[in-house]
Amino acid sequence: MKWAYHRISKSTWLFLLNMILVMTAAVLVLVNIRSRNELEESKRGFYSENASYLVNEEN
């Protein structure tokens, strides 16, 4: 039963903290990409990139 009371080393805690920070940063990057795409779409009047090009060419 002695193996059940294993201490977790400092390097393991640092590794887990690092992984949590990396995952958080990745989620923030994905959210930023999505919001940037939505902003670009609203600037085009909610047209796709090709459709906005055609609308501007007709004008």
PDB file of N, CA and C in Angstrom:
ATOM      1  N   MET A   1       0.812  -1.200   0.000  1.00  0.00           N
ATOM      2  CA  MET A   1       0.000   0.000   0.000  1.00  0.00           C
ATOM      3  C   MET A   1       0.855   1.264   0.000  1.00  0.00           C
ATOM      4  N   LYS A   2       2.152   1.089   0.160  1.00  0.00           N
ATOM      5  CA  LYS A   2       3.012   2.247   0.226  1.00  0.00           C
ATOM      6  C   LYS A   2       3.025   3.017  -1.101  1.00  0.00           C
ATOM      7  N   TRP A   3       2.809   2.340  -2.231  1.00  0.00           N
ATOM      8  CA  TRP A   3       2.833   2.997  -3.532  1.00  0.00           C
ATOM      9  C   TRP A   3       1.666   3.962  -3.702  1.00  0.00           C
ATOM     10  N   ALA A   4       0.603   3.798  -2.931  1.00  0.00           N
ATOM     11  CA  ALA A   4      -0.572   4.658  -3.045  1.00  0.00           C
ATOM     12  C   ALA A   4      -0.306   6.052  -2.497  1.00  0.00           C
ATOM     13  N   TYR A   5       0.742   6.216  -1.708  1.00  0.00           N
ATOM     14  CA  TYR A   5       1.044   7.504  -1.088  1.00  0.00           C
ATOM     15  C   TYR A   5       2.245   8.168  -1.751  1.00  0.00           C
ATOM     16  N   HIS A   6       2.345   8.012  -3.049  1.00  0.00           N
ATOM     17  CA  HIS A   6       3.441   8.604  -3.817  1.00  0.00           C
ATOM     18  C   HIS A   6       3.306  10.112  -3.855  1.00  0.00           C
ATOM     19  N   ARG A   7       4.403  10.802  -3.642  1.00  0.00           N
ATOM     20  CA  ARG A   7       4.393  12.259  -3.779  1.00  0.00           C
ATOM     21  C   ARG A   7       4.596  12.629  -5.236  1.00  0.00           C
ATOM     22  N   ILE A   8       3.953  13.695  -5.651  1.00  0.00           N
ATOM     23  CA  ILE A   8       4.130  14.179  -7.013  1.00  0.00           C
ATOM     24  C   ILE A   8       5.265  15.202  -6.976  1.00  0.00           C
ATOM     25  N   SER A   9       6.240  15.014  -7.846  1.00  0.00           N
ATOM     26  CA  SER A   9       7.425  15.870  -7.820  1.00  0.00           C
ATOM     27  C   SER A   9       7.108  17.268  -8.355  1.00  0.00           C
ATOM     28  N   LYS A  10       8.019  18.200  -8.062  1.00  0.00           N
ATOM     29  CA  LYS A  10       7.841  19.571  -8.518  1.00  0.00           C
ATOM     30  C   LYS A  10       7.885  19.659 -10.036  1.00  0.00           C
ATOM     31  N   SER A  11       8.698  18.852 -10.661  1.00  0.00           N
ATOM     32  CA  SER A  11       8.783  18.892 -12.125  1.00  0.00           C
ATOM     33  C   SER A  11       7.472  18.431 -12.760  1.00  0.00           C
ATOM     34  N   THR A  12       6.806  17.479 -12.143  1.00  0.00           N
ATOM     35  CA  THR A  12       5.512  17.026 -12.649  1.00  0.00           C
ATOM     36  C   THR A  12       4.475  18.133 -12.509  1.00  0.00           C
ATOM     37  N   TRP A  13       4.475  18.842 -11.378  1.00  0.00           N
ATOM     38  CA  TRP A  13       3.548  19.959 -11.183  1.00  0.00           C
ATOM     39  C   TRP A  13       3.817  21.054 -12.207  1.00  0.00           C
ATOM     40  N   LEU A  14       5.095  21.353 -12.441  1.00  0.00           N
ATOM     41  CA  LEU A  14       5.434  22.373 -13.433  1.00  0.00           C
ATOM     42  C   LEU A  14       5.006  21.951 -14.833  1.00  0.00           C
ATOM     43  N   PHE A  15       5.181  20.674 -15.144  1.00  0.00           N
ATOM     44  CA  PHE A  15       4.748  20.162 -16.445  1.00  0.00           C
ATOM     45  C   PHE A  15       3.238  20.286 -16.605  1.00  0.00           C
ATOM     46  N   LEU A  16       2.480  19.919 -15.596  1.00  0.00           N
ATOM     47  CA  LEU A  16       1.023  20.029 -15.650  1.00  0.00           C
ATOM     48  C   LEU A  16       0.583  21.489 -15.774  1.00  0.00           C
ATOM     49  N   LEU A  17       1.235  22.378 -15.031  1.00  0.00           N
ATOM     50  CA  LEU A  17       0.922  23.797 -15.125  1.00  0.00           C
ATOM     51  C   LEU A  17       1.231  24.318 -16.526  1.00  0.00           C
ATOM     52  N   ASN A  18       2.349  23.891 -17.081  1.00  0.00           N
ATOM     53  CA  ASN A  18       2.723  24.291 -18.429  1.00  0.00           C
ATOM     54  C   ASN A  18       1.702  23.809 -19.452  1.00  0.00           C
ATOM     55  N   MET A  19       1.247  22.580 -19.332  1.00  0.00           N
ATOM     56  CA  MET A  19       0.260  22.042 -20.256  1.00  0.00           C
ATOM     57  C   MET A  19      -1.062  22.799 -20.152  1.00  0.00           C
ATOM     58  N   ILE A  20      -1.456  23.167 -18.944  1.00  0.00           N
ATOM     59  CA  ILE A  20      -2.685  23.940 -18.761  1.00  0.00           C
ATOM     60  C   ILE A  20      -2.550  25.300 -19.427  1.00  0.00           C
ATOM     61  N   LEU A  21      -1.394  25.949 -19.260  1.00  0.00           N
ATOM     62  CA  LEU A  21      -1.177  27.257 -19.881  1.00  0.00           C
ATOM     63  C   LEU A  21      -1.148  27.161 -21.397  1.00  0.00           C
ATOM     64  N   VAL A  22      -0.552  26.110 -21.943  1.00  0.00           N
ATOM     65  CA  VAL A  22      -0.504  25.935 -23.392  1.00  0.00           C
ATOM     66  C   VAL A  22      -1.904  25.708 -23.946  1.00  0.00           C
ATOM     67  N   MET A  23      -2.695  24.880 -23.285  1.00  0.00           N
ATOM     68  CA  MET A  23      -4.060  24.635 -23.736  1.00  0.00           C
ATOM     69  C   MET A  23      -4.903  25.903 -23.660  1.00  0.00           C
ATOM     70  N   THR A  24      -4.728  26.691 -22.618  1.00  0.00           N
ATOM     71  CA  THR A  24      -5.454  27.952 -22.490  1.00  0.00           C
ATOM     72  C   THR A  24      -5.066  28.910 -23.611  1.00  0.00           C
ATOM     73  N   ALA A  25      -3.782  28.983 -23.907  1.00  0.00           N
ATOM     74  CA  ALA A  25      -3.319  29.856 -24.993  1.00  0.00           C
ATOM     75  C   ALA A  25      -3.876  29.391 -26.336  1.00  0.00           C
ATOM     76  N   ALA A  26      -3.920  28.078 -26.556  1.00  0.00           N
ATOM     77  CA  ALA A  26      -4.457  27.557 -27.809  1.00  0.00           C
ATOM     78  C   ALA A  26      -5.934  27.899 -27.960  1.00  0.00           C
ATOM     79  N   VAL A  27      -6.685  27.795 -26.892  1.00  0.00           N
ATOM     80  CA  VAL A  27      -8.109  28.148 -26.943  1.00  0.00           C
ATOM     81  C   VAL A  27      -8.276  29.632 -27.231  1.00  0.00           C
ATOM     82  N   LEU A  28      -7.448  30.466 -26.612  1.00  0.00           N
ATOM     83  CA  LEU A  28      -7.538  31.904 -26.863  1.00  0.00           C
ATOM     84  C   LEU A  28      -7.198  32.243 -28.310  1.00  0.00           C
ATOM     85  N   VAL A  29      -6.234  31.557 -28.883  1.00  0.00           N
ATOM     86  CA  VAL A  29      -5.892  31.789 -30.292  1.00  0.00           C
ATOM     87  C   VAL A  29      -7.052  31.389 -31.193  1.00  0.00           C
ATOM     88  N   LEU A  30      -7.676  30.261 -30.915  1.00  0.00           N
ATOM     89  CA  LEU A  30      -8.808  29.819 -31.729  1.00  0.00           C
ATOM     90  C   LEU A  30      -9.985  30.787 -31.624  1.00  0.00           C
ATOM     91  N   VAL A  31     -10.240  31.299 -30.436  1.00  0.00           N
ATOM     92  CA  VAL A  31     -11.316  32.273 -30.254  1.00  0.00           C
ATOM     93  C   VAL A  31     -10.990  33.551 -31.020  1.00  0.00           C
ATOM     94  N   ASN A  32      -9.723  33.968 -30.984  1.00  0.00           N
ATOM     95  CA  ASN A  32      -9.315  35.173 -31.707  1.00  0.00           C
ATOM     96  C   ASN A  32      -9.479  34.987 -33.210  1.00  0.00           C
ATOM     97  N   ILE A  33      -9.111  33.839 -33.732  1.00  0.00           N
ATOM     98  CA  ILE A  33      -9.260  33.571 -35.165  1.00  0.00           C
ATOM     99  C   ILE A  33     -10.734  33.613 -35.557  1.00  0.00           C
ATOM    100  N   ARG A  34     -11.572  33.002 -34.750  1.00  0.00           N
ATOM    101  CA  ARG A  34     -13.005  32.975 -35.064  1.00  0.00           C
ATOM    102  C   ARG A  34     -13.608  34.376 -35.035  1.00  0.00           C
ATOM    103  N   SER A  35     -13.260  35.158 -34.024  1.00  0.00           N
ATOM    104  CA  SER A  35     -13.824  36.508 -33.939  1.00  0.00           C
ATOM    105  C   SER A  35     -13.285  37.399 -35.059  1.00  0.00           C
ATOM    106  N   ARG A  36     -12.040  37.192 -35.465  1.00  0.00           N
ATOM    107  CA  ARG A  36     -11.484  37.973 -36.576  1.00  0.00           C
ATOM    108  C   ARG A  36     -12.204  37.636 -37.876  1.00  0.00           C
ATOM    109  N   ASN A  37     -12.513  36.354 -38.075  1.00  0.00           N
ATOM    110  CA  ASN A  37     -13.265  35.958 -39.268  1.00  0.00           C
ATOM    111  C   ASN A  37     -14.664  36.565 -39.273  1.00  0.00           C
ATOM    112  N   GLU A  38     -15.319  36.581 -38.122  1.00  0.00           N
ATOM    113  CA  GLU A  38     -16.647  37.185 -38.027  1.00  0.00           C
ATOM    114  C   GLU A  38     -16.579  38.692 -38.292  1.00  0.00           C
ATOM    115  N   LEU A  39     -15.545  39.352 -37.812  1.00  0.00           N
ATOM    116  CA  LEU A  39     -15.392  40.780 -38.044  1.00  0.00           C
ATOM    117  C   LEU A  39     -15.163  41.068 -39.527  1.00  0.00           C
ATOM    118  N   GLU A  40     -14.334  40.271 -40.168  1.00  0.00           N
ATOM    119  CA  GLU A  40     -14.097  40.452 -41.604  1.00  0.00           C
ATOM    120  C   GLU A  40     -15.379  40.228 -42.399  1.00  0.00           C
ATOM    121  N   GLU A  41     -16.170  39.237 -41.987  1.00  0.00           N
ATOM    122  CA  GLU A  41     -17.424  38.956 -42.675  1.00  0.00           C
ATOM    123  C   GLU A  41     -18.411  40.111 -42.507  1.00  0.00           C
ATOM    124  N   SER A  42     -18.468  40.688 -41.319  1.00  0.00           N
ATOM    125  CA  SER A  42     -19.391  41.809 -41.116  1.00  0.00           C
ATOM    126  C   SER A  42     -18.936  43.044 -41.884  1.00  0.00           C
ATOM    127  N   LYS A  43     -17.637  43.210 -42.068  1.00  0.00           N
ATOM    128  CA  LYS A  43     -17.144  44.330 -42.874  1.00  0.00           C
ATOM    129  C   LYS A  43     -17.568  44.184 -44.332  1.00  0.00           C
ATOM    130  N   ARG A  44     -17.686  42.942 -44.796  1.00  0.00           N
ATOM    131  CA  ARG A  44     -18.104  42.693 -46.174  1.00  0.00           C
ATOM    132  C   ARG A  44     -19.610  42.708 -46.319  1.00  0.00           C
ATOM    133  N   GLY A  45     -20.346  43.015 -45.288  1.00  0.00           N
ATOM    134  CA  GLY A  45     -21.804  43.019 -45.344  1.00  0.00           C
ATOM    135  C   GLY A  45     -22.377  41.619 -45.308  1.00  0.00           C
ATOM    136  N   PHE A  46     -21.688  40.710 -44.640  1.00  0.00           N
ATOM    137  CA  PHE A  46     -22.077  39.315 -44.473  1.00  0.00           C
ATOM    138  C   PHE A  46     -22.126  38.558 -45.799  1.00  0.00           C
ATOM    139  N   TYR A  47     -21.401  39.061 -46.794  1.00  0.00           N
ATOM    140  CA  TYR A  47     -21.203  38.318 -48.032  1.00  0.00           C
ATOM    141  C   TYR A  47     -19.937  37.483 -47.897  1.00  0.00           C
ATOM    142  N   SER A  48     -19.859  36.430 -48.715  1.00  0.00           N
ATOM    143  CA  SER A  48     -18.615  35.677 -48.747  1.00  0.00           C
ATOM    144  C   SER A  48     -17.552  36.519 -49.444  1.00  0.00           C
ATOM    145  N   GLU A  49     -16.321  36.077 -49.412  1.00  0.00           N
ATOM    146  CA  GLU A  49     -15.235  36.847 -50.008  1.00  0.00           C
ATOM    147  C   GLU A  49     -15.419  37.001 -51.510  1.00  0.00           C
ATOM    148  N   ASN A  50     -15.839  35.920 -52.175  1.00  0.00           N
ATOM    149  CA  ASN A  50     -16.062  35.986 -53.625  1.00  0.00           C
ATOM    150  C   ASN A  50     -17.274  36.846 -53.974  1.00  0.00           C
ATOM    151  N   ALA A  51     -18.344  36.720 -53.200  1.00  0.00           N
ATOM    152  CA  ALA A  51     -19.557  37.489 -53.473  1.00  0.00           C
ATOM    153  C   ALA A  51     -19.316  38.979 -53.276  1.00  0.00           C
ATOM    154  N   SER A  52     -18.531  39.349 -52.268  1.00  0.00           N
ATOM    155  CA  SER A  52     -18.261  40.764 -52.051  1.00  0.00           C
ATOM    156  C   SER A  52     -17.428  41.324 -53.189  1.00  0.00           C
ATOM    157  N   TYR A  53     -16.562  40.516 -53.767  1.00  0.00           N
ATOM    158  CA  TYR A  53     -15.771  40.949 -54.918  1.00  0.00           C
ATOM    159  C   TYR A  53     -16.688  41.211 -56.116  1.00  0.00           C
ATOM    160  N   LEU A  54     -17.648  40.309 -56.334  1.00  0.00           N
ATOM    161  CA  LEU A  54     -18.587  40.486 -57.438  1.00  0.00           C
ATOM    162  C   LEU A  54     -19.480  41.712 -57.244  1.00  0.00           C
ATOM    163  N   VAL A  55     -19.940  41.941 -56.027  1.00  0.00           N
ATOM    164  CA  VAL A  55     -20.793  43.083 -55.744  1.00  0.00           C
ATOM    165  C   VAL A  55     -20.027  44.365 -55.984  1.00  0.00           C
ATOM    166  N   ASN A  56     -18.767  44.412 -55.582  1.00  0.00           N
ATOM    167  CA  ASN A  56     -17.959  45.616 -55.791  1.00  0.00           C
ATOM    168  C   ASN A  56     -17.646  45.822 -57.268  1.00  0.00           C
ATOM    169  N   GLU A  57     -17.494  44.738 -58.017  1.00  0.00           N
ATOM    170  CA  GLU A  57     -17.222  44.868 -59.459  1.00  0.00           C
ATOM    171  C   GLU A  57     -18.443  45.414 -60.198  1.00  0.00           C
ATOM    172  N   GLU A  58     -19.659  45.031 -59.780  1.00  0.00           N
ATOM    173  CA  GLU A  58     -20.872  45.507 -60.450  1.00  0.00           C
ATOM    174  C   GLU A  58     -21.096  46.998 -60.191  1.00  0.00           C
ATOM    175  N   ASN A  59     -20.707  47.456 -59.019  1.00  0.00           N
ATOM    176  CA  ASN A  59     -20.889  48.878 -58.690  1.00  0.00           C
ATOM    177  C   ASN A  59     -19.867  49.686 -59.440  1.00  0.00           C
TER     178      ASN A  59
END
